[in-house]
Amino acid sequence: MMRKTFLFGTAVLSLIVTSFAIAKPPDLSNTEIDKRSDRLDAINEKLQQSMADKERANLLFEKAQLMFNTFGPIYLRTSTEALLKAIQISPQERYEDFLLEVYDLYWKDKDFSGDDQVSKDLSALQKKCEKTICLSWYNLGLSNMDNPEHYFKNAIKADPGFSPSYYWLASYYCKHKKKTESIDYFERYLQVVNENDPQEKDRIEMARYFIKEMKAGNIDYNSIIGKAMSE
């Protein structure tokens, strides 16, 4: 019964995504398709059970990979949603890398401006992909402040208008005495940030202070922070 439901859903959803001009999934034998479908059935059953977040995230990620690699765009919405849930539960670089691949292949530069409900739903999911890509890279950067450059730059690439990524990348460069890069990203932060956002008030003040101190020759992060706190 579950297999019949799965195949029926596949047929219905294929009508939804006919507007995508994308590559077909790889040719697979019927035996391999049946094997992957069995695994999807097992994953869906297990997801109904109570389990640790990391285990649940791994299952959702496996589900998304299986669906993309087996059925391509036919189950695009369901598989994308599974992937976004995995990232929400447990942000991991391998999840984010896969979301970037999926986004570039299926969602990027698509036009979902229609007035019908399907277009609106797809547009909302596309925006959710974009937001998740940015915030996931940003959070990975905050979790890896010993070497966050790669993560913050990917967050900036995903959403150039998200200002905190510039601030923390500039702070990282200052800590490593990369004066030119630090000033550049603090200045870019000030260009992007919404000055009326109360959550950014302290960062705006600190960014200006960092720039002033570094241009005056002080490139010691702790010294700059200490001076700012004492004033």
Protein backbone atom coordinates (compact mmCIF):
# COMPACT_ATOMS: atom_id res chain seq x y z
CA MET A 1 0.00 0.00 0.00
CA MET A 2 2.81 2.39 0.90
CA ARG A 3 4.55 1.73 -2.42
CA LYS A 4 1.34 2.47 -4.32
CA THR A 5 0.92 5.72 -2.40
CA PHE A 6 4.52 6.64 -3.10
CA LEU A 7 4.17 6.05 -6.84
CA PHE A 8 0.85 7.87 -6.98
CA GLY A 9 2.44 10.88 -5.27
CA THR A 10 5.29 10.71 -7.77
CA ALA A 11 2.86 10.87 -10.67
CA VAL A 12 0.93 13.79 -9.19
CA LEU A 13 3.99 15.82 -8.30
CA SER A 14 5.44 15.32 -11.76
CA LEU A 15 2.65 17.57 -13.03
CA ILE A 16 3.71 20.30 -10.61
CA VAL A 17 7.31 20.56 -11.76
CA THR A 18 6.91 20.33 -15.53
CA SER A 19 8.10 23.95 -15.78
CA PHE A 20 11.63 22.95 -14.70
CA ALA A 21 14.12 22.64 -17.54
CA ILE A 22 16.60 20.43 -15.73
CA ALA A 23 18.65 17.31 -16.12
CA LYS A 24 16.94 13.94 -15.75
CA PRO A 25 17.96 11.64 -12.91
CA PRO A 26 20.45 8.93 -13.85
CA ASP A 27 19.13 5.81 -15.58
CA LEU A 28 18.49 3.14 -12.98
CA SER A 29 17.39 -0.45 -13.26
CA ASN A 30 13.98 -1.42 -11.90
CA THR A 31 15.75 -3.49 -9.27
CA GLU A 32 17.75 -0.49 -8.07
CA ILE A 33 14.65 1.73 -8.02
CA ASP A 34 12.79 -0.90 -5.98
CA LYS A 35 15.74 -1.14 -3.58
CA ARG A 36 15.83 2.63 -3.08
CA SER A 37 12.06 2.80 -2.71
CA ASP A 38 12.22 0.14 0.00
CA ARG A 39 14.82 2.19 1.81
CA LEU A 40 12.63 5.31 1.54
CA ASP A 41 9.72 3.36 3.00
CA ALA A 42 11.94 2.27 5.89
CA ILE A 43 13.14 5.84 6.49
CA ASN A 44 9.60 7.22 6.49
CA GLU A 45 8.52 4.55 9.00
CA LYS A 46 11.48 5.26 11.25
CA LEU A 47 10.84 9.01 11.15
CA GLN A 48 7.51 8.34 12.82
CA GLN A 49 9.38 7.12 15.87
CA SER A 50 10.89 9.20 18.64
CA MET A 51 14.65 9.56 18.28
CA ALA A 52 17.58 11.89 18.92
CA ASP A 53 17.79 15.04 16.79
CA LYS A 54 21.04 14.01 15.09
CA GLU A 55 19.64 10.62 14.09
CA ARG A 56 16.47 12.23 12.78
CA ALA A 57 18.49 14.81 10.83
CA ASN A 58 20.65 12.09 9.28
CA LEU A 59 17.54 10.17 8.18
CA LEU A 60 15.99 13.29 6.65
CA PHE A 61 19.26 14.00 4.84
CA GLU A 62 19.42 10.43 3.53
CA LYS A 63 15.78 10.70 2.43
CA ALA A 64 16.50 13.90 0.52
CA GLN A 65 19.55 12.40 -1.18
CA LEU A 66 17.69 9.23 -2.17
CA MET A 67 14.78 11.18 -3.62
CA PHE A 68 16.95 13.62 -5.57
CA ASN A 69 19.29 10.95 -6.91
CA THR A 70 16.50 8.53 -7.79
CA PHE A 71 13.64 10.70 -8.99
CA GLY A 72 15.22 14.08 -9.74
CA PRO A 73 12.60 16.85 -9.96
CA ILE A 74 9.60 14.54 -9.60
CA TYR A 75 9.72 14.68 -5.80
CA LEU A 76 11.49 18.03 -5.67
CA ARG A 77 9.30 19.74 -3.11
CA THR A 78 9.17 16.87 -0.64
CA SER A 79 12.88 16.13 -0.86
CA THR A 80 13.83 19.81 -0.54
CA GLU A 81 11.64 20.14 2.54
CA ALA A 82 13.28 17.06 4.07
CA LEU A 83 16.71 18.58 3.46
CA LEU A 84 15.72 21.93 4.98
CA LYS A 85 14.36 20.14 8.06
CA ALA A 86 17.64 18.24 8.44
CA ILE A 87 19.59 21.50 8.39
CA GLN A 88 17.19 23.14 10.84
CA ILE A 89 17.54 20.26 13.31
CA SER A 90 21.31 19.82 12.99
CA PRO A 91 23.30 22.26 10.79
CA GLN A 92 26.18 20.40 9.18
CA GLU A 93 28.50 21.31 6.34
CA ARG A 94 27.67 18.22 4.27
CA TYR A 95 23.96 19.08 4.47
CA GLU A 96 24.68 22.64 3.41
CA ASP A 97 26.92 21.56 0.52
CA PHE A 98 24.16 19.32 -0.78
CA LEU A 99 21.55 22.08 -0.43
CA LEU A 100 23.80 24.38 -2.49
CA GLU A 101 24.00 21.75 -5.23
CA VAL A 102 20.23 21.26 -5.20
CA TYR A 103 19.59 25.00 -5.16
CA ASP A 104 21.95 25.68 -8.06
CA LEU A 105 20.46 22.84 -10.11
CA TYR A 106 16.74 23.17 -9.38
CA TRP A 107 15.81 26.44 -7.67
CA LYS A 108 18.24 29.19 -8.68
CA ASP A 109 16.97 31.71 -11.24
CA LYS A 110 13.57 30.02 -11.53
CA ASP A 111 10.54 32.26 -12.00
CA PHE A 112 7.64 31.47 -9.68
CA SER A 113 5.76 34.73 -10.18
CA GLY A 114 2.46 33.14 -11.17
CA ASP A 115 -0.75 33.84 -9.27
CA ASP A 116 -1.70 30.17 -8.88
CA GLN A 117 -1.19 28.46 -5.54
CA VAL A 118 1.52 26.11 -6.85
CA SER A 119 3.66 29.05 -8.03
CA LYS A 120 3.21 30.77 -4.68
CA ASP A 121 4.19 27.62 -2.80
CA LEU A 122 7.28 27.08 -4.96
CA SER A 123 8.29 30.74 -4.57
CA ALA A 124 8.02 30.45 -0.79
CA LEU A 125 10.11 27.27 -0.80
CA GLN A 126 12.74 28.92 -3.00
CA LYS A 127 13.02 31.82 -0.54
CA LYS A 128 13.27 29.33 2.32
CA CYS A 129 16.19 27.65 0.53
CA GLU A 130 17.98 30.98 0.13
CA LYS A 131 17.45 31.96 3.77
CA THR A 132 18.53 28.54 5.04
CA ILE A 133 21.69 28.58 2.92
CA CYS A 134 22.75 31.94 4.35
CA LEU A 135 21.85 31.28 7.99
CA SER A 136 23.33 27.79 7.95
CA TRP A 137 26.71 29.01 6.69
CA TYR A 138 26.56 31.89 9.18
CA ASN A 139 25.86 29.57 12.12
CA LEU A 140 28.60 27.21 10.99
CA GLY A 141 30.96 30.20 11.01
CA LEU A 142 29.97 31.13 14.55
CA SER A 143 30.51 27.50 15.59
CA ASN A 144 33.99 27.41 14.02
CA MET A 145 35.47 30.78 14.99
CA ASP A 146 38.99 29.36 14.90
CA ASN A 147 38.67 29.23 11.12
CA PRO A 148 35.33 30.70 9.98
CA GLU A 149 36.46 32.47 6.80
CA HIS A 150 35.03 29.87 4.41
CA TYR A 151 31.66 29.82 6.19
CA PHE A 152 31.14 33.57 6.48
CA LYS A 153 32.14 34.15 2.86
CA ASN A 154 29.61 31.53 1.76
CA ALA A 155 26.97 33.23 3.93
CA ILE A 156 27.76 36.55 2.24
CA LYS A 157 27.56 34.92 -1.18
CA ALA A 158 24.18 33.38 -0.32
CA ASP A 159 22.76 36.67 0.99
CA PRO A 160 24.89 39.81 0.45
CA GLY A 161 22.35 41.80 2.45
CA PHE A 162 22.79 39.85 5.69
CA SER A 163 25.10 42.19 7.60
CA PRO A 164 26.30 40.10 10.62
CA SER A 165 28.38 37.88 8.32
CA TYR A 166 30.55 40.88 7.36
CA TYR A 167 30.98 41.94 10.99
CA TRP A 168 32.20 38.60 12.28
CA LEU A 169 34.46 38.01 9.30
CA ALA A 170 36.00 41.45 9.90
CA SER A 171 36.46 40.57 13.59
CA TYR A 172 38.21 37.33 12.63
CA TYR A 173 40.59 39.20 10.33
CA CYS A 174 41.35 41.71 13.09
CA LYS A 175 42.18 38.90 15.53
CA HIS A 176 44.68 37.60 12.99
CA LYS A 177 46.09 41.08 12.38
CA LYS A 178 44.90 41.23 8.77
CA LYS A 179 44.36 44.97 8.86
CA THR A 180 43.37 45.59 5.25
CA GLU A 181 40.87 42.75 5.11
CA SER A 182 39.41 43.66 8.51
CA ILE A 183 38.85 47.32 7.65
CA ASP A 184 37.37 46.32 4.30
CA TYR A 185 34.78 44.00 5.83
CA PHE A 186 33.92 46.37 8.68
CA GLU A 187 33.30 49.09 6.08
CA ARG A 188 31.21 46.69 3.99
CA TYR A 189 29.26 45.81 7.11
CA LEU A 190 28.46 49.49 7.69
CA GLN A 191 27.35 49.85 4.08
CA VAL A 192 24.94 46.92 4.34
CA VAL A 193 23.62 47.14 7.90
CA ASN A 194 20.28 48.71 8.74
CA GLU A 195 21.22 51.51 11.11
CA ASN A 196 17.71 51.56 12.54
CA ASP A 197 17.92 47.93 13.63
CA PRO A 198 18.25 47.94 17.45
CA GLN A 199 19.90 44.50 17.37
CA GLU A 200 22.75 45.98 15.34
CA LYS A 201 23.34 49.11 17.46
CA ASP A 202 26.27 47.73 19.46
CA ARG A 203 27.90 46.12 16.41
CA ILE A 204 27.63 49.37 14.46
CA GLU A 205 29.40 51.28 17.22
CA MET A 206 32.09 48.62 17.53
CA ALA A 207 32.66 48.44 13.78
CA ARG A 208 33.27 52.19 13.65
CA TYR A 209 35.60 51.96 16.64
CA PHE A 210 37.57 49.09 15.09
CA ILE A 211 38.01 51.04 11.86
CA LYS A 212 39.17 54.18 13.72
CA GLU A 213 41.67 52.25 15.85
CA MET A 214 43.11 50.19 13.02
CA LYS A 215 43.52 53.22 10.77
CA ALA A 216 45.36 54.87 13.69
CA GLY A 217 47.74 51.90 13.80
CA ASN A 218 46.28 49.73 16.57
CA ILE A 219 45.75 46.24 15.15
CA ASP A 220 45.53 44.30 18.42
CA TYR A 221 42.00 42.91 18.76
CA ASN A 222 42.03 42.57 22.55
CA SER A 223 43.50 46.05 22.99
CA ILE A 224 40.77 47.57 20.80
CA ILE A 225 38.04 45.73 22.70
CA GLY A 226 39.55 46.82 26.04
CA LYS A 227 39.73 50.47 25.01
CA ALA A 228 36.17 50.41 23.69
CA MET A 229 34.86 48.95 26.94
CA SER A 230 36.67 51.52 29.07
CA GLU A 231 35.33 54.53 27.18
